[in-house]
Amino acid sequence: MQQIAKIAVAAIISYIFTKSALPIFLTKLSKAGMGGFDLNKPRENQKEKTPEAGGIVGLFVFSMICGLFKGIHGLLSACICSGLLGFADNVLNLEWRWKLIVPAFTLIPLCSYYQENYNFDIQFLGFNFTLPTALTYAYIIFFSIFCQNAVNIYAGINGIEVGQSIVAQLFALIYLVMKNINQPFTGGYYYSAIISTIFIATSLALLKFNKYPAKVFVGDVFTYFAGCVYVTSAVCGDYLIMAIFLYFMQMINFLLSVPQLIGIIPCPRHRLPQLNKDDGKLYGKTENWNLINQYLLRIVRAGLGEKQIWQHLITIQVIGSACILCIYKLSLK
């Protein structure tokens, strides 16, 4: 109980720090020229640019608070480096090769931790197969790179990057507790709970400023940081397989995006829905192959307000994640 209380207090402090620091940093980001206009809103209604890369505040608070817990410092290196890579991308607009090469090196300590503490066992049709070390390293690295970029491309409306990350991390934390309910609250279980809880706390504070109408854009710094935190918590908690299923919304968006990502279909820089200035609603564009546009085109078949789209997609993610955990629970009986 004492450990749970410490994590709870740390989460509350993280939320308060992030919420308090954001207004200060927003001014500094604007003065530094880091900002942009919201493309989903009429340009004439925007007097000033919205500050960008606000996710750097969440990264700082997360790193400082998690660093107060013993034994976890080495596991934070990948998260911090990924967040800084995202910040560099916001400032320098890095080429894709750097986004693939750098994480491969920063994730090595995380891979080593997993290999020292767990075996990557795959059970299928009654057979049990342990993945060799090299393939385990490759899986963790590629999965982390995927998660970071999956959050990045599942974007386009206020609050969606932060919202999707909170939901995925929250249900991952619930699964972690379900999986280890009768186990001692130590080691990887403990570290994973710390990382997940502090991340959720800082992200909830970010969401207050990033939700519609956004007062800040979280930037690539948040999307890279969020994706790496998700993988780090999965590595510590030994739930790399379940982590794939709980990223189902990001998977769907990625699969829809593949034709544009590999160049079969022309890919615009911003794959946003179309704003209708007459009714203020967003409508799906047939040329944009991603979840937001295709949801509006194929499922809703009409326009929605930006806040409504966020509510629809997050609700679907919550219900889908709950169903996945229910299926897992039933499979144990």
Protein backbone atom coordinates (compact mmCIF):
# COMPACT_ATOMS: atom_id res chain seq x y z
CA MET A 1 0.00 0.00 0.00
CA GLN A 2 2.88 2.36 0.74
CA GLN A 3 4.23 1.98 -2.80
CA ILE A 4 0.79 2.59 -4.31
CA ALA A 5 0.40 5.70 -2.15
CA LYS A 6 3.78 7.02 -3.35
CA ILE A 7 2.79 6.55 -6.98
CA ALA A 8 -0.58 8.23 -6.37
CA VAL A 9 1.07 11.24 -4.72
CA ALA A 10 3.65 11.43 -7.52
CA ALA A 11 0.84 11.37 -10.10
CA ILE A 12 -1.01 14.22 -8.38
CA ILE A 13 2.19 16.28 -8.21
CA SER A 14 2.89 15.53 -11.89
CA TYR A 15 -0.56 16.74 -12.88
CA ILE A 16 -0.27 19.94 -10.84
CA PHE A 17 3.27 20.70 -12.08
CA THR A 18 2.33 20.16 -15.72
CA LYS A 19 -0.86 22.20 -15.46
CA SER A 20 1.00 25.05 -13.71
CA ALA A 21 4.03 25.06 -16.01
CA LEU A 22 2.16 24.98 -19.31
CA PRO A 23 0.94 28.62 -19.31
CA ILE A 24 4.51 29.79 -18.64
CA PHE A 25 5.99 27.62 -21.37
CA LEU A 26 3.30 28.58 -23.89
CA THR A 27 4.44 32.19 -23.76
CA LYS A 28 8.07 31.17 -24.17
CA LEU A 29 7.29 28.85 -27.11
CA SER A 30 5.40 31.65 -28.85
CA LYS A 31 8.27 34.10 -28.32
CA ALA A 32 10.65 31.49 -29.75
CA GLY A 33 8.56 31.39 -32.92
CA MET A 34 7.26 27.89 -32.30
CA GLY A 35 3.63 28.04 -33.30
CA GLY A 36 1.18 27.70 -36.14
CA PHE A 37 -2.39 28.39 -37.21
CA ASP A 38 -5.07 25.75 -36.65
CA LEU A 39 -5.90 24.51 -40.15
CA ASN A 40 -9.28 23.13 -39.05
CA LYS A 41 -10.54 26.59 -38.14
CA PRO A 42 -11.17 29.72 -40.25
CA ARG A 43 -7.92 31.64 -40.64
CA GLU A 44 -9.66 35.01 -40.22
CA ASN A 45 -10.82 34.02 -36.71
CA GLN A 46 -7.27 33.37 -35.49
CA LYS A 47 -5.50 36.51 -34.33
CA GLU A 48 -2.36 34.73 -33.14
CA LYS A 49 -0.57 31.47 -33.84
CA THR A 50 -1.16 28.59 -31.44
CA PRO A 51 2.04 27.60 -29.55
CA GLU A 52 3.53 24.28 -30.68
CA ALA A 53 5.65 21.52 -29.08
CA GLY A 54 3.86 21.88 -25.73
CA GLY A 55 4.54 18.19 -25.15
CA ILE A 56 8.04 19.18 -24.00
CA VAL A 57 6.49 20.23 -20.67
CA GLY A 58 5.00 16.77 -20.18
CA LEU A 59 8.37 15.21 -21.04
CA PHE A 60 10.21 17.36 -18.47
CA VAL A 61 7.75 16.68 -15.66
CA PHE A 62 7.55 12.96 -16.47
CA SER A 63 11.35 12.66 -16.43
CA MET A 64 11.77 14.58 -13.18
CA ILE A 65 9.04 12.78 -11.23
CA CYS A 66 9.87 9.28 -12.48
CA GLY A 67 13.52 9.97 -11.70
CA LEU A 68 12.66 10.22 -8.00
CA PHE A 69 11.95 6.48 -7.89
CA LYS A 70 14.93 4.20 -7.31
CA GLY A 71 16.03 1.71 -9.95
CA ILE A 72 14.08 3.22 -12.83
CA HIS A 73 16.60 5.71 -14.24
CA GLY A 74 18.09 3.42 -16.89
CA LEU A 75 14.63 2.64 -18.26
CA LEU A 76 13.85 6.32 -18.85
CA SER A 77 16.67 6.94 -21.33
CA ALA A 78 14.69 5.73 -24.35
CA CYS A 79 11.64 7.84 -23.41
CA ILE A 80 13.71 10.98 -22.89
CA CYS A 81 15.73 10.50 -26.08
CA SER A 82 12.59 9.84 -28.12
CA GLY A 83 10.94 12.99 -26.76
CA LEU A 84 14.03 15.07 -27.54
CA LEU A 85 14.12 13.55 -31.03
CA GLY A 86 10.54 14.71 -31.50
CA PHE A 87 11.44 18.19 -30.26
CA ALA A 88 14.37 18.29 -32.70
CA ASP A 89 11.96 17.27 -35.45
CA ASN A 90 9.65 20.16 -34.51
CA VAL A 91 12.55 22.59 -34.72
CA LEU A 92 14.64 21.15 -37.56
CA ASN A 93 12.10 19.09 -39.53
CA LEU A 94 14.34 16.01 -39.54
CA GLU A 95 14.48 13.55 -42.41
CA TRP A 96 12.89 10.12 -41.94
CA ARG A 97 16.18 8.24 -41.67
CA TRP A 98 17.03 10.00 -38.40
CA LYS A 99 13.67 9.01 -36.95
CA LEU A 100 14.55 5.37 -37.64
CA ILE A 101 18.26 5.31 -36.79
CA VAL A 102 18.29 7.22 -33.48
CA PRO A 103 15.62 5.12 -31.67
CA ALA A 104 17.45 1.93 -32.60
CA PHE A 105 20.38 2.99 -30.40
CA THR A 106 18.42 4.58 -27.55
CA LEU A 107 16.34 1.41 -27.10
CA ILE A 108 19.29 -0.92 -26.49
CA PRO A 109 19.21 -0.51 -22.64
CA LEU A 110 15.49 -1.30 -22.70
CA CYS A 111 16.08 -4.41 -24.81
CA SER A 112 18.79 -5.54 -22.39
CA TYR A 113 16.45 -5.11 -19.43
CA TYR A 114 13.81 -7.27 -21.08
CA GLN A 115 16.29 -9.98 -22.01
CA GLU A 116 17.69 -10.10 -18.48
CA ASN A 117 14.29 -10.41 -16.82
CA TYR A 118 11.93 -12.16 -19.25
CA ASN A 119 11.65 -14.58 -22.13
CA PHE A 120 9.55 -13.61 -25.13
CA ASP A 121 7.35 -16.73 -25.25
CA ILE A 122 4.85 -17.17 -28.05
CA GLN A 123 2.11 -19.77 -27.56
CA PHE A 124 0.24 -20.96 -30.64
CA LEU A 125 -1.85 -24.10 -31.23
CA GLY A 126 -0.43 -25.77 -28.16
CA PHE A 127 3.19 -25.00 -29.07
CA ASN A 128 5.43 -22.76 -26.96
CA PHE A 129 8.19 -20.91 -28.79
CA THR A 130 10.79 -18.62 -27.17
CA LEU A 131 11.99 -15.85 -29.45
CA PRO A 132 15.82 -15.70 -29.76
CA THR A 133 17.64 -12.69 -28.30
CA ALA A 134 18.36 -11.02 -31.64
CA LEU A 135 14.73 -11.30 -32.75
CA THR A 136 13.52 -10.03 -29.37
CA TYR A 137 15.74 -6.95 -29.73
CA ALA A 138 14.50 -6.43 -33.29
CA TYR A 139 10.86 -6.78 -32.23
CA ILE A 140 11.16 -4.24 -29.39
CA ILE A 141 13.02 -1.73 -31.59
CA PHE A 142 10.63 -2.02 -34.54
CA PHE A 143 7.56 -1.99 -32.30
CA SER A 144 8.79 1.15 -30.55
CA ILE A 145 9.51 2.92 -33.85
CA PHE A 146 6.06 1.88 -35.05
CA CYS A 147 4.29 3.14 -31.91
CA GLN A 148 6.05 6.50 -32.00
CA ASN A 149 5.13 7.08 -35.63
CA ALA A 150 1.65 5.53 -35.27
CA VAL A 151 0.68 8.18 -32.73
CA ASN A 152 2.23 10.82 -34.98
CA ILE A 153 0.16 9.91 -38.06
CA TYR A 154 -3.09 9.36 -36.13
CA ALA A 155 -3.57 13.11 -35.82
CA GLY A 156 -5.50 15.94 -37.42
CA ILE A 157 -7.93 17.23 -34.79
CA ASN A 158 -7.42 18.91 -31.43
CA GLY A 159 -6.66 16.51 -28.60
CA ILE A 160 -6.53 13.27 -30.58
CA GLU A 161 -2.82 12.54 -30.04
CA VAL A 162 -3.08 13.04 -26.28
CA GLY A 163 -6.50 11.41 -25.97
CA GLN A 164 -5.56 8.23 -27.82
CA SER A 165 -2.34 7.93 -25.78
CA ILE A 166 -4.14 8.31 -22.45
CA VAL A 167 -6.72 5.65 -23.34
CA ALA A 168 -4.11 3.16 -24.59
CA GLN A 169 -1.88 3.69 -21.54
CA LEU A 170 -4.80 3.51 -19.11
CA PHE A 171 -6.06 0.18 -20.44
CA ALA A 172 -2.49 -1.12 -20.56
CA LEU A 173 -2.22 -0.25 -16.86
CA ILE A 174 -5.51 -2.01 -16.13
CA TYR A 175 -4.25 -5.09 -17.97
CA LEU A 176 -0.98 -4.94 -16.01
CA VAL A 177 -2.92 -5.04 -12.73
CA MET A 178 -5.20 -7.85 -13.96
CA LYS A 179 -2.19 -9.88 -15.07
CA ASN A 180 -0.25 -9.43 -11.83
CA ILE A 181 -3.07 -9.18 -9.29
CA ASN A 182 -1.60 -11.97 -7.15
CA GLN A 183 2.05 -11.05 -7.72
CA PRO A 184 4.34 -8.94 -5.48
CA PHE A 185 4.32 -5.25 -6.43
CA THR A 186 8.02 -5.20 -7.27
CA GLY A 187 10.42 -5.24 -10.23
CA GLY A 188 9.01 -4.75 -13.70
CA TYR A 189 5.42 -4.69 -12.42
CA TYR A 190 6.30 -1.78 -10.13
CA TYR A 191 8.31 0.11 -12.77
CA SER A 192 5.62 -0.29 -15.40
CA ALA A 193 2.96 1.01 -13.01
CA ILE A 194 5.09 4.07 -12.21
CA ILE A 195 5.75 4.89 -15.86
CA SER A 196 2.12 4.43 -16.89
CA THR A 197 0.61 6.38 -13.99
CA ILE A 198 2.95 9.38 -14.23
CA PHE A 199 2.48 9.52 -18.00
CA ILE A 200 -1.31 9.47 -17.67
CA ALA A 201 -1.18 12.24 -15.05
CA THR A 202 1.00 14.57 -17.14
CA SER A 203 -1.03 13.83 -20.27
CA LEU A 204 -4.32 14.66 -18.55
CA ALA A 205 -2.90 18.09 -17.75
CA LEU A 206 -1.75 18.47 -21.36
CA LEU A 207 -5.20 17.49 -22.60
CA LYS A 208 -6.78 20.42 -20.74
CA PHE A 209 -4.79 22.75 -23.01
CA ASN A 210 -4.79 20.63 -26.17
CA LYS A 211 -8.48 19.68 -26.34
CA TYR A 212 -10.84 21.63 -28.59
CA PRO A 213 -10.34 24.56 -28.94
CA ALA A 214 -6.61 23.95 -28.51
CA LYS A 215 -4.49 26.48 -26.65
CA VAL A 216 -1.37 24.49 -27.55
CA PHE A 217 -0.28 21.86 -30.06
CA VAL A 218 1.67 19.05 -28.42
CA GLY A 219 3.93 18.50 -31.43
CA ASP A 220 6.14 15.58 -32.43
CA VAL A 221 7.83 15.76 -29.04
CA PHE A 222 4.68 14.31 -27.46
CA THR A 223 3.88 11.72 -30.13
CA TYR A 224 7.39 10.23 -30.04
CA PHE A 225 7.53 10.41 -26.26
CA ALA A 226 4.07 8.83 -25.86
CA GLY A 227 4.85 5.96 -28.21
CA CYS A 228 8.10 5.16 -26.45
CA VAL A 229 6.50 5.34 -22.98
CA TYR A 230 3.89 2.85 -24.16
CA VAL A 231 6.56 0.38 -25.28
CA THR A 232 8.72 0.96 -22.20
CA SER A 233 5.82 0.17 -19.88
CA ALA A 234 5.02 -2.93 -21.98
CA VAL A 235 8.63 -4.11 -21.77
CA CYS A 236 8.80 -3.59 -17.99
CA GLY A 237 5.42 -5.24 -17.45
CA ASP A 238 6.08 -8.05 -19.94
CA TYR A 239 2.93 -7.56 -22.02
CA LEU A 240 4.37 -6.92 -25.49
CA ILE A 241 1.71 -9.06 -27.19
CA MET A 242 -1.26 -7.41 -25.46
CA ALA A 243 0.29 -4.02 -26.24
CA ILE A 244 -0.32 -4.68 -29.94
CA PHE A 245 -4.03 -5.35 -29.41
CA LEU A 246 -4.53 -2.25 -27.24
CA TYR A 247 -3.08 -0.14 -30.08
CA PHE A 248 -5.85 -1.28 -32.42
CA MET A 249 -6.96 2.25 -33.37
CA GLN A 250 -3.41 3.17 -34.34
CA MET A 251 -3.14 -0.11 -36.26
CA ILE A 252 -6.32 0.62 -38.22
CA ASN A 253 -5.11 4.13 -39.02
CA PHE A 254 -1.72 2.77 -40.12
CA LEU A 255 -3.24 0.12 -42.39
CA LEU A 256 -5.52 2.73 -43.99
CA SER A 257 -2.50 4.99 -44.45
CA VAL A 258 -0.18 2.41 -46.06
CA PRO A 259 -1.08 3.26 -49.70
CA GLN A 260 -0.10 6.89 -49.09
CA LEU A 261 2.88 6.12 -46.86
CA ILE A 262 4.54 3.94 -49.51
CA GLY A 263 3.68 6.29 -52.36
CA ILE A 264 1.02 4.31 -54.24
CA ILE A 265 -1.38 7.22 -53.67
CA PRO A 266 -0.17 10.86 -53.44
CA CYS A 267 0.26 11.89 -49.81
CA PRO A 268 -0.29 15.55 -48.83
CA ARG A 269 1.63 16.97 -45.89
CA HIS A 270 -1.51 17.54 -43.82
CA ARG A 271 -4.14 14.82 -44.24
CA LEU A 272 -6.88 16.86 -42.61
CA PRO A 273 -10.64 16.75 -43.11
CA GLN A 274 -12.27 19.59 -45.05
CA LEU A 275 -13.70 22.53 -43.10
CA ASN A 276 -17.08 23.82 -44.28
CA LYS A 277 -17.15 27.46 -43.19
CA ASP A 278 -20.93 27.67 -43.58
CA ASP A 279 -21.79 25.13 -40.87
CA GLY A 280 -18.42 24.95 -39.11
CA LYS A 281 -18.25 21.16 -39.52
CA LEU A 282 -15.44 18.95 -40.80
CA TYR A 283 -16.06 16.60 -43.73
CA GLY A 284 -13.97 13.65 -44.88
CA LYS A 285 -11.81 14.05 -47.98
CA THR A 286 -11.62 11.04 -50.31
CA GLU A 287 -7.97 11.73 -51.14
CA ASN A 288 -6.89 11.45 -47.50
CA TRP A 289 -6.45 7.82 -46.50
CA ASN A 290 -6.51 7.88 -42.72
CA LEU A 291 -8.92 6.94 -39.96
CA ILE A 292 -10.38 10.39 -39.32
CA ASN A 293 -11.27 11.08 -42.96
CA GLN A 294 -12.49 7.56 -43.72
CA TYR A 295 -14.59 7.49 -40.55
CA LEU A 296 -16.36 10.65 -41.66
CA LEU A 297 -16.76 9.36 -45.22
CA ARG A 298 -17.69 5.70 -44.68
CA ILE A 299 -19.25 5.53 -41.21
CA VAL A 300 -20.76 8.92 -40.38
CA ARG A 301 -21.32 9.92 -44.02
CA ALA A 302 -21.76 13.50 -42.91
CA GLY A 303 -19.89 16.35 -41.30
CA LEU A 304 -19.18 16.61 -37.59
CA GLY A 305 -17.83 19.30 -35.31
CA GLU A 306 -14.19 18.83 -34.33
CA LYS A 307 -15.10 18.13 -30.70
CA GLN A 308 -17.69 15.56 -31.81
CA ILE A 309 -15.15 13.70 -33.95
CA TRP A 310 -12.82 13.49 -30.95
CA GLN A 311 -15.63 12.17 -28.75
CA HIS A 312 -16.62 9.55 -31.35
CA LEU A 313 -13.09 8.22 -31.88
CA ILE A 314 -12.12 8.18 -28.20
CA THR A 315 -15.39 6.46 -27.28
CA ILE A 316 -14.75 3.77 -29.90
CA GLN A 317 -11.24 3.28 -28.52
CA VAL A 318 -12.51 3.00 -24.93
CA ILE A 319 -15.22 0.48 -25.86
CA GLY A 320 -12.84 -1.53 -28.04
CA SER A 321 -10.16 -1.62 -25.34
CA ALA A 322 -12.70 -2.70 -22.72
CA CYS A 323 -13.87 -5.52 -25.02
CA ILE A 324 -10.28 -6.70 -25.50
CA LEU A 325 -9.72 -6.90 -21.74
CA CYS A 326 -13.06 -8.67 -21.25
CA ILE A 327 -12.07 -11.28 -23.83
CA TYR A 328 -8.74 -11.71 -22.03
CA LYS A 329 -10.54 -12.16 -18.69
CA LEU A 330 -12.95 -14.72 -20.15
CA SER A 331 -10.06 -16.65 -21.70
CA LEU A 332 -8.62 -17.25 -18.22
CA LYS A 333 -11.69 -19.20 -17.08
